[in-house]
Amino acid sequence: MILKLLMEDRFPAIWLPSKELQDLRALVRHRHQWVGMRTRIQNALQSIALANGLRRGPALWSQAGQHTIASLPLAPHAAYRRSELQAMYEKFEAEIEKLNQRVEEQACERPGARLLMTHPGVGPVTALATEVFLGDPARFADTKALASYVGMIPREYSSGGRQRLGGLSKQGNPLLRFLWGEAGAHAVRRDPELQRFYRRKLIQKGLGKARVAVARKLGIRLWIMLRDQIDYHEFCRRGQKQQRGGEACAGMPETRYGATTHRPID
């Protein structure tokens, strides 16, 4: 069979990312790893503060909050640990800021990422990661193929004629799933249709499944924008036109719940 496909030139081609895409993927992964390490440092400092009766919440990471935690009376070894953690936190903050600038520069230089950043709630990191990890959007036949690639489809436990679906397969790109989830949490505050979709799913399925559904819907939107090379407003216009024509399309806005204007991206 394989020989026959090769002789007839029908053997399916395997898409491979270019050197440039691989390098940009390394940049996005590097930033994500540093953010994860900074979070662990913040958790350690937060535990020290809480153990000594200091409750500041997000204000702990301000200059005044860091000065307050530095002035806590601690035992010698605990004080050494605190000072080392604070020094590491400052170093990670400075390095992550540099990485954010590099990511933003790369996103602004790439036409596809610039289109994705027109969607409410999608910033340079999510836009660049979506473009470089998806690669050629035409290689996905439909939205199911895209969701399968990212790992946002349910596991299946079927036997005989009965189908059983479980949780997410999580067999795709974990970084892209994470970024779509984070961007989806921001997008539901700025996109009226996504907000209504989220509220419906929240009532029907609960918090966890509603967040996954929004992340998947946002990912499909971004893929369509990349595939068709359109910005957010053109995407909404096409979706409204398709709905008026009676055509259904995954990820497209719903006109009967839709709005004609949207808040600009901050």
Protein backbone atom coordinates (compact mmCIF):
# COMPACT_ATOMS: atom_id res chain seq x y z
CA MET A 1 0.00 0.00 0.00
CA ILE A 2 2.77 2.44 0.90
CA LEU A 3 4.69 1.61 -2.28
CA LYS A 4 1.53 2.13 -4.34
CA LEU A 5 0.89 5.54 -2.74
CA LEU A 6 4.50 6.57 -3.38
CA MET A 7 4.37 5.45 -7.01
CA GLU A 8 1.12 7.33 -7.57
CA ASP A 9 2.45 10.38 -5.74
CA ARG A 10 -0.44 10.21 -3.27
CA PHE A 11 1.55 9.61 -0.09
CA PRO A 12 0.52 12.26 2.49
CA ALA A 13 3.20 14.87 3.13
CA ILE A 14 4.40 15.55 6.67
CA TRP A 15 4.57 19.24 7.57
CA LEU A 16 7.75 20.34 9.35
CA PRO A 17 8.33 23.78 10.88
CA SER A 18 11.02 25.96 9.37
CA LYS A 19 14.17 26.95 11.24
CA GLU A 20 12.66 30.38 11.86
CA LEU A 21 9.50 28.91 13.39
CA GLN A 22 11.55 26.55 15.56
CA ASP A 23 13.58 29.50 16.85
CA LEU A 24 10.44 31.50 17.65
CA ARG A 25 8.94 28.48 19.40
CA ALA A 26 12.06 28.33 21.55
CA LEU A 27 11.59 32.00 22.47
CA VAL A 28 7.97 31.48 23.53
CA ARG A 29 8.81 28.33 25.51
CA HIS A 30 11.77 30.06 27.21
CA ARG A 31 9.56 32.92 28.36
CA HIS A 32 6.91 30.50 29.62
CA GLN A 33 9.50 28.57 31.63
CA TRP A 34 10.81 31.74 33.25
CA VAL A 35 7.27 32.83 34.14
CA GLY A 36 6.70 29.44 35.77
CA MET A 37 9.88 29.76 37.84
CA ARG A 38 8.92 33.29 38.89
CA THR A 39 5.54 31.97 40.04
CA ARG A 40 7.24 29.38 42.25
CA ILE A 41 9.40 32.11 43.78
CA GLN A 42 6.33 34.24 44.40
CA ASN A 43 4.58 31.32 46.10
CA ALA A 44 7.57 30.82 48.41
CA LEU A 45 7.66 34.53 49.33
CA GLN A 46 3.90 34.55 49.82
CA SER A 47 4.16 31.62 52.24
CA ILE A 48 6.81 33.48 54.27
CA ALA A 49 4.59 36.56 54.41
CA LEU A 50 1.48 34.61 55.44
CA ALA A 51 3.40 32.65 58.08
CA ASN A 52 4.32 35.98 59.69
CA GLY A 53 0.87 37.55 59.52
CA LEU A 54 1.50 39.67 56.42
CA ARG A 55 -1.47 39.62 54.06
CA ARG A 56 -1.02 41.93 51.10
CA GLY A 57 -2.25 39.86 48.15
CA PRO A 58 -1.08 41.29 44.78
CA ALA A 59 0.25 44.37 46.60
CA LEU A 60 3.04 42.19 47.97
CA TRP A 61 4.81 42.46 44.59
CA SER A 62 4.91 46.24 44.63
CA GLN A 63 7.99 48.09 45.81
CA ALA A 64 6.30 48.89 49.13
CA GLY A 65 5.22 45.26 49.56
CA GLN A 66 8.74 43.97 48.92
CA HIS A 67 10.12 46.48 51.41
CA THR A 68 7.59 45.28 54.00
CA ILE A 69 8.48 41.62 53.61
CA ALA A 70 12.18 42.52 53.77
CA SER A 71 11.62 44.20 57.14
CA LEU A 72 9.98 41.16 58.76
CA PRO A 73 11.89 39.91 61.83
CA LEU A 74 12.96 36.38 60.96
CA ALA A 75 15.36 33.76 62.25
CA PRO A 76 18.81 33.75 60.57
CA HIS A 77 18.19 30.91 58.11
CA ALA A 78 14.68 32.10 57.26
CA ALA A 79 16.00 35.63 56.72
CA TYR A 80 18.69 34.30 54.38
CA ARG A 81 16.10 32.36 52.41
CA ARG A 82 13.90 35.45 52.16
CA SER A 83 16.72 37.66 50.88
CA GLU A 84 17.78 35.07 48.31
CA LEU A 85 14.22 34.65 47.07
CA GLN A 86 13.77 38.42 46.77
CA ALA A 87 17.01 38.73 44.82
CA MET A 88 15.92 35.94 42.49
CA TYR A 89 12.50 37.55 42.09
CA GLU A 90 14.06 40.85 40.98
CA LYS A 91 16.30 39.03 38.51
CA PHE A 92 13.40 37.07 37.02
CA GLU A 93 11.25 40.19 36.77
CA ALA A 94 13.95 41.99 34.79
CA GLU A 95 14.59 39.02 32.50
CA ILE A 96 10.90 38.37 31.85
CA GLU A 97 10.44 42.03 30.94
CA LYS A 98 13.21 41.67 28.34
CA LEU A 99 11.60 38.51 26.99
CA ASN A 100 8.22 40.26 26.80
CA GLN A 101 9.80 42.99 24.72
CA ARG A 102 11.39 40.44 22.37
CA VAL A 103 8.11 38.59 21.97
CA GLU A 104 6.24 41.83 21.28
CA GLU A 105 8.81 42.87 18.69
CA GLN A 106 8.54 39.54 16.90
CA ALA A 107 4.74 39.59 17.03
CA CYS A 108 4.62 43.10 15.54
CA GLU A 109 6.93 42.03 12.70
CA ARG A 110 4.76 39.07 11.67
CA PRO A 111 1.57 39.85 9.69
CA GLY A 112 -0.29 36.83 11.05
CA ALA A 113 0.38 37.71 14.68
CA ARG A 114 -0.67 41.31 14.05
CA LEU A 115 -4.00 40.07 12.73
CA LEU A 116 -4.53 37.88 15.79
CA MET A 117 -3.79 40.77 18.15
CA THR A 118 -6.84 42.60 16.80
CA HIS A 119 -9.01 40.05 18.65
CA PRO A 120 -10.03 41.32 22.11
CA GLY A 121 -8.06 39.65 24.89
CA VAL A 122 -5.27 38.35 22.62
CA GLY A 123 -1.85 39.85 23.30
CA PRO A 124 1.57 39.43 21.69
CA VAL A 125 2.45 36.20 23.53
CA THR A 126 -0.76 34.35 22.58
CA ALA A 127 -0.72 35.73 19.03
CA LEU A 128 2.90 34.77 18.37
CA ALA A 129 2.54 31.35 20.01
CA THR A 130 -0.60 30.58 18.00
CA GLU A 131 1.06 31.46 14.71
CA VAL A 132 4.36 29.65 15.27
CA PHE A 133 2.90 26.50 16.85
CA LEU A 134 0.08 26.08 14.32
CA GLY A 135 2.38 26.84 11.40
CA ASP A 136 0.57 26.52 8.09
CA PRO A 137 -3.15 26.84 8.96
CA ALA A 138 -4.15 25.13 5.70
CA ARG A 139 -2.80 21.81 7.01
CA PHE A 140 -5.85 21.49 9.28
CA ALA A 141 -8.84 20.20 7.33
CA ASP A 142 -11.43 21.48 9.80
CA THR A 143 -11.97 22.65 13.36
CA LYS A 144 -11.99 19.08 14.69
CA ALA A 145 -8.52 18.49 13.28
CA LEU A 146 -7.33 21.71 14.93
CA ALA A 147 -8.84 20.81 18.31
CA SER A 148 -7.32 17.34 18.08
CA TYR A 149 -3.87 18.80 17.32
CA VAL A 150 -4.02 21.04 20.40
CA GLY A 151 -5.49 18.30 22.60
CA MET A 152 -8.84 20.00 23.26
CA ILE A 153 -11.00 16.98 22.45
CA PRO A 154 -12.47 14.48 24.93
CA ARG A 155 -11.00 11.07 25.60
CA GLU A 156 -13.19 8.28 24.29
CA TYR A 157 -14.04 5.03 26.04
CA SER A 158 -16.36 3.21 23.65
CA SER A 159 -17.43 -0.40 23.52
CA GLY A 160 -19.84 -1.97 21.11
CA GLY A 161 -22.51 0.52 20.10
CA ARG A 162 -22.12 2.70 23.17
CA GLN A 163 -19.93 5.81 23.13
CA ARG A 164 -18.43 7.20 26.33
CA LEU A 165 -16.54 10.50 26.41
CA GLY A 166 -14.22 11.55 29.23
CA GLY A 167 -12.08 14.58 30.01
CA LEU A 168 -9.64 16.33 27.70
CA SER A 169 -7.18 14.10 25.91
CA LYS A 170 -4.37 16.63 26.54
CA GLN A 171 -2.31 14.93 23.84
CA GLY A 172 -1.49 18.14 21.99
CA ASN A 173 0.52 21.24 22.79
CA PRO A 174 0.14 22.08 26.51
CA LEU A 175 1.54 25.60 26.12
CA LEU A 176 -0.98 26.51 23.43
CA ARG A 177 -3.84 25.10 25.53
CA PHE A 178 -2.66 27.15 28.50
CA LEU A 179 -2.35 30.38 26.50
CA TRP A 180 -5.74 29.94 24.85
CA GLY A 181 -7.26 29.38 28.28
CA GLU A 182 -5.63 32.52 29.70
CA ALA A 183 -6.58 34.60 26.65
CA GLY A 184 -10.13 33.23 26.77
CA ALA A 185 -10.54 34.47 30.35
CA HIS A 186 -9.71 37.99 29.15
CA ALA A 187 -11.68 37.72 25.89
CA VAL A 188 -14.98 36.93 27.63
CA ARG A 189 -14.78 40.31 29.36
CA ARG A 190 -14.34 42.18 26.07
CA ASP A 191 -16.20 40.19 23.44
CA PRO A 192 -20.01 40.26 23.93
CA GLU A 193 -20.69 37.03 22.02
CA LEU A 194 -17.98 35.09 23.84
CA GLN A 195 -19.31 36.40 27.13
CA ARG A 196 -22.82 35.12 26.35
CA PHE A 197 -21.39 31.80 25.17
CA TYR A 198 -19.40 31.48 28.41
CA ARG A 199 -22.45 32.22 30.57
CA ARG A 200 -24.54 29.60 28.76
CA LYS A 201 -21.83 26.97 29.16
CA LEU A 202 -21.34 27.97 32.79
CA ILE A 203 -24.99 27.21 33.53
CA GLN A 204 -25.07 24.04 31.41
CA LYS A 205 -21.70 22.45 32.18
CA GLY A 206 -20.08 24.21 35.14
CA LEU A 207 -16.98 26.38 35.52
CA GLY A 208 -14.24 24.02 34.31
CA LYS A 209 -15.99 22.90 31.12
CA ALA A 210 -17.12 26.45 30.38
CA ARG A 211 -13.52 27.69 30.46
CA VAL A 212 -12.37 24.89 28.17
CA ALA A 213 -15.23 25.58 25.76
CA VAL A 214 -14.28 29.27 25.58
CA ALA A 215 -10.60 28.43 25.05
CA ARG A 216 -11.51 26.05 22.21
CA LYS A 217 -13.86 28.58 20.60
CA LEU A 218 -11.19 31.28 20.81
CA GLY A 219 -8.58 28.96 19.30
CA ILE A 220 -10.90 28.18 16.39
CA ARG A 221 -11.42 31.89 15.83
CA LEU A 222 -7.70 32.55 15.75
CA TRP A 223 -7.17 29.67 13.31
CA ILE A 224 -9.84 31.03 10.98
CA MET A 225 -8.27 34.49 11.12
CA LEU A 226 -4.88 33.00 10.25
CA ARG A 227 -6.24 30.77 7.50
CA ASP A 228 -8.20 33.55 5.80
CA GLN A 229 -5.74 36.35 6.67
CA ILE A 230 -8.43 38.57 8.18
CA ASP A 231 -8.61 40.77 11.26
CA TYR A 232 -11.19 40.61 14.04
CA HIS A 233 -13.69 43.04 12.54
CA GLU A 234 -13.67 41.23 9.18
CA PHE A 235 -14.12 37.95 11.06
CA CYS A 236 -17.20 39.35 12.80
CA ARG A 237 -18.60 40.72 9.53
CA ARG A 238 -18.24 37.34 7.81
CA GLY A 239 -19.81 35.57 10.76
CA GLN A 240 -22.83 37.86 10.72
CA LYS A 241 -23.18 37.40 6.95
CA GLN A 242 -23.07 33.60 7.29
CA GLN A 243 -25.65 33.65 10.08
CA ARG A 244 -28.01 35.80 8.00
CA GLY A 245 -27.59 33.28 5.17
CA GLY A 246 -28.47 30.43 7.51
CA GLU A 247 -24.99 28.86 7.46
CA ALA A 248 -23.42 27.59 10.67
CA CYS A 249 -19.70 27.87 11.25
CA ALA A 250 -17.76 26.94 14.38
CA GLY A 251 -16.28 29.91 16.17
CA MET A 252 -18.28 32.49 14.23
CA PRO A 253 -20.24 35.14 16.16
CA GLU A 254 -23.99 34.66 16.55
CA THR A 255 -25.91 37.57 15.06
CA ARG A 256 -29.07 37.07 17.07
CA TYR A 257 -27.03 37.67 20.22
CA GLY A 258 -24.39 39.80 18.51
CA ALA A 259 -23.39 43.42 18.81
CA THR A 260 -22.32 45.88 16.14
CA THR A 261 -19.49 47.39 18.15
CA HIS A 262 -16.77 45.96 20.36
CA ARG A 263 -14.43 47.44 22.90
CA PRO A 264 -10.92 48.18 21.62
CA ILE A 265 -7.93 46.23 22.86
CA ASP A 266 -6.01 47.87 25.66
